[in-house]
Amino acid sequence: MDNEWHWGYKRRFGLVYVDFETGGRRIVKESGRFYKKVIGGNGEILQRLEAWH
């Protein structure tokens, strides 16, 4: 079983935050913005980060 199913709505997973109090408004998290850079640059940023460490 995935953790997402176990925790239901109590834990937040994913790249987008869903604000249920405002009717389900979606807000992209920092991890979502980073992923956008990764896919937009075909993973090049990951190679630069790996070289930096």
N, C-alpha and C. Protein backbone atom coordinates (compact mmCIF):
# COMPACT_ATOMS: atom_id res chain seq x y z
N MET A 1 0.84 -1.17 0.00
CA MET A 1 0.00 0.00 0.00
C MET A 1 0.89 1.25 0.00
N ASP A 2 0.55 2.22 -0.83
CA ASP A 2 1.27 3.49 -0.85
C ASP A 2 0.92 4.32 0.37
N ASN A 3 1.86 5.12 0.82
CA ASN A 3 1.62 5.98 1.98
C ASN A 3 0.48 6.96 1.74
N GLU A 4 0.33 7.41 0.50
CA GLU A 4 -0.72 8.37 0.20
C GLU A 4 -2.10 7.82 0.57
N TRP A 5 -2.33 6.57 0.30
CA TRP A 5 -3.63 5.97 0.61
C TRP A 5 -3.79 5.78 2.11
N HIS A 6 -2.72 5.44 2.76
CA HIS A 6 -2.77 5.21 4.20
C HIS A 6 -3.13 6.48 4.96
N TRP A 7 -2.52 7.61 4.61
CA TRP A 7 -2.70 8.86 5.33
C TRP A 7 -3.94 9.64 4.89
N GLY A 8 -4.47 9.34 3.73
CA GLY A 8 -5.66 10.06 3.26
C GLY A 8 -5.37 11.54 3.06
N TYR A 9 -6.19 12.39 3.65
CA TYR A 9 -6.02 13.85 3.51
C TYR A 9 -5.21 14.46 4.64
N LYS A 10 -4.69 13.65 5.55
CA LYS A 10 -3.96 14.17 6.69
C LYS A 10 -2.53 14.58 6.34
N ARG A 11 -1.89 13.84 5.48
CA ARG A 11 -0.52 14.15 5.05
C ARG A 11 -0.58 14.68 3.63
N ARG A 12 0.32 15.60 3.32
CA ARG A 12 0.34 16.21 2.00
C ARG A 12 1.51 15.66 1.20
N PHE A 13 1.21 15.13 0.02
CA PHE A 13 2.22 14.60 -0.88
C PHE A 13 2.09 15.33 -2.22
N GLY A 14 3.09 15.19 -3.04
CA GLY A 14 2.97 15.68 -4.41
C GLY A 14 3.64 17.01 -4.65
N LEU A 15 3.47 17.49 -5.87
CA LEU A 15 4.11 18.71 -6.33
C LEU A 15 3.20 19.93 -6.20
N VAL A 16 1.93 19.69 -5.90
CA VAL A 16 0.95 20.76 -5.83
C VAL A 16 0.20 20.66 -4.50
N TYR A 17 0.05 21.79 -3.83
CA TYR A 17 -0.74 21.86 -2.61
C TYR A 17 -2.18 22.16 -2.99
N VAL A 18 -3.11 21.42 -2.44
CA VAL A 18 -4.53 21.66 -2.68
C VAL A 18 -5.13 22.26 -1.42
N ASP A 19 -5.65 23.47 -1.54
CA ASP A 19 -6.26 24.16 -0.41
C ASP A 19 -7.75 23.85 -0.40
N PHE A 20 -8.15 22.88 0.39
CA PHE A 20 -9.53 22.43 0.44
C PHE A 20 -10.47 23.47 1.04
N GLU A 21 -9.92 24.38 1.84
CA GLU A 21 -10.75 25.41 2.45
C GLU A 21 -11.20 26.47 1.46
N THR A 22 -10.52 26.59 0.32
CA THR A 22 -10.89 27.59 -0.69
C THR A 22 -11.46 26.91 -1.93
N GLY A 23 -12.05 25.75 -1.75
CA GLY A 23 -12.69 25.08 -2.87
C GLY A 23 -11.75 24.29 -3.75
N GLY A 24 -10.59 23.93 -3.22
CA GLY A 24 -9.67 23.09 -3.98
C GLY A 24 -8.66 23.87 -4.81
N ARG A 25 -8.40 25.12 -4.44
CA ARG A 25 -7.40 25.93 -5.15
C ARG A 25 -6.06 25.21 -5.10
N ARG A 26 -5.39 25.13 -6.24
CA ARG A 26 -4.11 24.44 -6.32
C ARG A 26 -2.96 25.44 -6.35
N ILE A 27 -1.95 25.16 -5.52
CA ILE A 27 -0.78 26.02 -5.42
C ILE A 27 0.45 25.15 -5.65
N VAL A 28 1.25 25.51 -6.64
CA VAL A 28 2.44 24.73 -6.94
C VAL A 28 3.46 24.92 -5.82
N LYS A 29 3.96 23.80 -5.30
CA LYS A 29 4.95 23.82 -4.24
C LYS A 29 6.34 24.09 -4.83
N GLU A 30 7.30 24.37 -3.96
CA GLU A 30 8.68 24.59 -4.39
C GLU A 30 9.19 23.37 -5.16
N SER A 31 8.83 22.17 -4.71
CA SER A 31 9.27 20.96 -5.39
C SER A 31 8.68 20.89 -6.80
N GLY A 32 7.47 21.41 -6.98
CA GLY A 32 6.85 21.44 -8.31
C GLY A 32 7.56 22.41 -9.23
N ARG A 33 7.98 23.55 -8.70
CA ARG A 33 8.74 24.53 -9.51
C ARG A 33 10.10 23.96 -9.89
N PHE A 34 10.73 23.23 -8.96
CA PHE A 34 12.02 22.62 -9.27
C PHE A 34 11.85 21.55 -10.36
N TYR A 35 10.82 20.73 -10.24
CA TYR A 35 10.57 19.69 -11.24
C TYR A 35 10.34 20.29 -12.61
N LYS A 36 9.67 21.43 -12.66
CA LYS A 36 9.45 22.12 -13.93
C LYS A 36 10.79 22.49 -14.57
N LYS A 37 11.75 22.95 -13.74
CA LYS A 37 13.09 23.27 -14.26
C LYS A 37 13.79 22.01 -14.76
N VAL A 38 13.63 20.91 -14.04
CA VAL A 38 14.26 19.65 -14.43
C VAL A 38 13.77 19.19 -15.79
N ILE A 39 12.46 19.14 -15.96
CA ILE A 39 11.93 18.64 -17.23
C ILE A 39 12.11 19.65 -18.35
N GLY A 40 12.08 20.93 -18.01
CA GLY A 40 12.28 21.97 -19.03
C GLY A 40 13.69 21.98 -19.58
N GLY A 41 14.65 21.58 -18.75
CA GLY A 41 16.05 21.56 -19.17
C GLY A 41 16.55 20.16 -19.46
N ASN A 42 15.61 19.22 -19.62
CA ASN A 42 15.95 17.83 -19.95
C ASN A 42 16.92 17.22 -18.93
N GLY A 43 16.78 17.60 -17.67
CA GLY A 43 17.58 17.02 -16.60
C GLY A 43 18.95 17.63 -16.41
N GLU A 44 19.28 18.64 -17.19
CA GLU A 44 20.61 19.24 -17.12
C GLU A 44 20.92 19.80 -15.73
N ILE A 45 19.92 20.37 -15.07
CA ILE A 45 20.14 20.94 -13.74
C ILE A 45 20.57 19.87 -12.74
N LEU A 46 20.11 18.65 -12.92
CA LEU A 46 20.49 17.57 -12.02
C LEU A 46 21.98 17.24 -12.16
N GLN A 47 22.48 17.30 -13.37
CA GLN A 47 23.90 17.05 -13.58
C GLN A 47 24.73 18.14 -12.94
N ARG A 48 24.28 19.38 -13.04
CA ARG A 48 25.02 20.49 -12.40
C ARG A 48 24.99 20.35 -10.89
N LEU A 49 23.85 19.96 -10.33
CA LEU A 49 23.76 19.78 -8.88
C LEU A 49 24.65 18.64 -8.41
N GLU A 50 24.68 17.57 -9.18
CA GLU A 50 25.51 16.42 -8.83
C GLU A 50 26.98 16.80 -8.86
N ALA A 51 27.40 17.60 -9.83
CA ALA A 51 28.78 18.04 -9.92
C ALA A 51 29.15 18.96 -8.77
N TRP A 52 28.17 19.72 -8.28
CA TRP A 52 28.40 20.67 -7.20
C TRP A 52 28.64 19.97 -5.88
N HIS A 53 28.00 18.81 -5.68
CA HIS A 53 28.15 18.07 -4.42
C HIS A 53 29.41 17.32 -4.46
